[in-house]
Amino acid sequence: MKISARNVLKGTIVEVTKGSTTAHVRINIGGAVMTAAITNEAVDELQLRVGGSATALIKASDVLVGVED
């Protein structure tokens, strides 16, 4: 499969929390934890489970960084 995502990060799922329509999947990537918001249907179809492997694909044309005073 060819993709145009700029970052492909492999990690381990540490938490899956389903809401009414959207799930939050937390992935440990080298000690940093990233949270992805995906549909509950996608969680089921991909069989995402705590302890399982996952690959996060990040596609963004702009990344904004802010600094707090």
C-alpha atoms as a PDB file:
ATOM      1  CA  MET A   1       0.000   0.000   0.000  1.00  0.00           C
ATOM      2  CA  LYS A   2       1.372   3.429  -0.922  1.00  0.00           C
ATOM      3  CA  ILE A   3       0.605   6.311   1.413  1.00  0.00           C
ATOM      4  CA  SER A   4       1.610   9.937   1.582  1.00  0.00           C
ATOM      5  CA  ALA A   5       1.702  10.200   5.381  1.00  0.00           C
ATOM      6  CA  ARG A   6       4.766  12.034   6.625  1.00  0.00           C
ATOM      7  CA  ASN A   7       5.268   9.992   9.782  1.00  0.00           C
ATOM      8  CA  VAL A   8       4.767   6.286  10.409  1.00  0.00           C
ATOM      9  CA  LEU A   9       5.248   5.336  14.069  1.00  0.00           C
ATOM     10  CA  LYS A  10       5.086   1.790  15.444  1.00  0.00           C
ATOM     11  CA  GLY A  11       4.133   1.119  19.041  1.00  0.00           C
ATOM     12  CA  THR A  12       2.116  -0.852  21.564  1.00  0.00           C
ATOM     13  CA  ILE A  13      -1.476  -0.125  22.527  1.00  0.00           C
ATOM     14  CA  VAL A  14      -1.723   0.809  26.218  1.00  0.00           C
ATOM     15  CA  GLU A  15      -5.395   1.836  26.425  1.00  0.00           C
ATOM     16  CA  VAL A  16      -8.582   1.692  24.354  1.00  0.00           C
ATOM     17  CA  THR A  17     -11.539   3.772  25.556  1.00  0.00           C
ATOM     18  CA  LYS A  18     -14.762   3.618  23.555  1.00  0.00           C
ATOM     19  CA  GLY A  19     -17.279   6.439  23.641  1.00  0.00           C
ATOM     20  CA  SER A  20     -20.708   6.624  22.030  1.00  0.00           C
ATOM     21  CA  THR A  21     -19.236   6.779  18.494  1.00  0.00           C
ATOM     22  CA  THR A  22     -15.536   7.572  18.842  1.00  0.00           C
ATOM     23  CA  ALA A  23     -12.774   5.657  20.586  1.00  0.00           C
ATOM     24  CA  HIS A  24      -9.490   6.962  21.973  1.00  0.00           C
ATOM     25  CA  VAL A  25      -6.562   4.619  21.433  1.00  0.00           C
ATOM     26  CA  ARG A  26      -3.373   5.354  23.378  1.00  0.00           C
ATOM     27  CA  ILE A  27      -0.170   4.007  21.815  1.00  0.00           C
ATOM     28  CA  ASN A  28       3.237   3.875  23.506  1.00  0.00           C
ATOM     29  CA  ILE A  29       5.856   4.839  20.933  1.00  0.00           C
ATOM     30  CA  GLY A  30       9.329   4.606  22.385  1.00  0.00           C
ATOM     31  CA  GLY A  31       8.239   5.887  25.803  1.00  0.00           C
ATOM     32  CA  ALA A  32       5.996   8.671  24.483  1.00  0.00           C
ATOM     33  CA  VAL A  33       2.259   8.032  24.495  1.00  0.00           C
ATOM     34  CA  MET A  34       0.153   9.240  21.569  1.00  0.00           C
ATOM     35  CA  THR A  35      -3.650   9.294  21.532  1.00  0.00           C
ATOM     36  CA  ALA A  36      -5.591   8.626  18.346  1.00  0.00           C
ATOM     37  CA  ALA A  37      -9.323   9.310  17.951  1.00  0.00           C
ATOM     38  CA  ILE A  38     -10.957   6.784  15.628  1.00  0.00           C
ATOM     39  CA  THR A  39     -14.420   5.264  15.237  1.00  0.00           C
ATOM     40  CA  ASN A  40     -15.584   2.419  17.450  1.00  0.00           C
ATOM     41  CA  GLU A  41     -16.204   0.498  14.233  1.00  0.00           C
ATOM     42  CA  ALA A  42     -12.538   0.871  13.247  1.00  0.00           C
ATOM     43  CA  VAL A  43     -11.423  -0.427  16.667  1.00  0.00           C
ATOM     44  CA  ASP A  44     -13.559  -3.520  16.160  1.00  0.00           C
ATOM     45  CA  GLU A  45     -12.551  -4.079  12.522  1.00  0.00           C
ATOM     46  CA  LEU A  46      -8.838  -3.694  13.329  1.00  0.00           C
ATOM     47  CA  GLN A  47      -9.230  -5.806  16.489  1.00  0.00           C
ATOM     48  CA  LEU A  48      -7.286  -3.245  18.528  1.00  0.00           C
ATOM     49  CA  ARG A  49      -6.519  -4.504  22.035  1.00  0.00           C
ATOM     50  CA  VAL A  50      -4.315  -3.424  24.935  1.00  0.00           C
ATOM     51  CA  GLY A  51      -0.887  -5.016  24.483  1.00  0.00           C
ATOM     52  CA  GLY A  52      -1.314  -5.328  20.736  1.00  0.00           C
ATOM     53  CA  SER A  53       0.884  -3.723  18.114  1.00  0.00           C
ATOM     54  CA  ALA A  54      -0.263  -0.644  16.248  1.00  0.00           C
ATOM     55  CA  THR A  55       1.129   1.703  13.647  1.00  0.00           C
ATOM     56  CA  ALA A  56       0.160   5.372  13.782  1.00  0.00           C
ATOM     57  CA  LEU A  57       0.112   7.147  10.435  1.00  0.00           C
ATOM     58  CA  ILE A  58       0.293  10.916  10.748  1.00  0.00           C
ATOM     59  CA  LYS A  59      -0.529  13.097   7.811  1.00  0.00           C
ATOM     60  CA  ALA A  60      -0.451  16.833   8.274  1.00  0.00           C
ATOM     61  CA  SER A  61       0.494  19.632   5.954  1.00  0.00           C
ATOM     62  CA  ASP A  62       0.974  21.976   8.926  1.00  0.00           C
ATOM     63  CA  VAL A  63       2.031  21.379  12.510  1.00  0.00           C
ATOM     64  CA  LEU A  64       1.478  24.230  14.948  1.00  0.00           C
ATOM     65  CA  VAL A  65       3.501  24.558  18.131  1.00  0.00           C
ATOM     66  CA  GLY A  66       2.663  26.977  20.913  1.00  0.00           C
ATOM     67  CA  VAL A  67       4.701  28.207  23.854  1.00  0.00           C
ATOM     68  CA  GLU A  68       3.144  29.078  27.201  1.00  0.00           C
ATOM     69  CA  ASP A  69       4.427  32.055  29.139  1.00  0.00           C
END
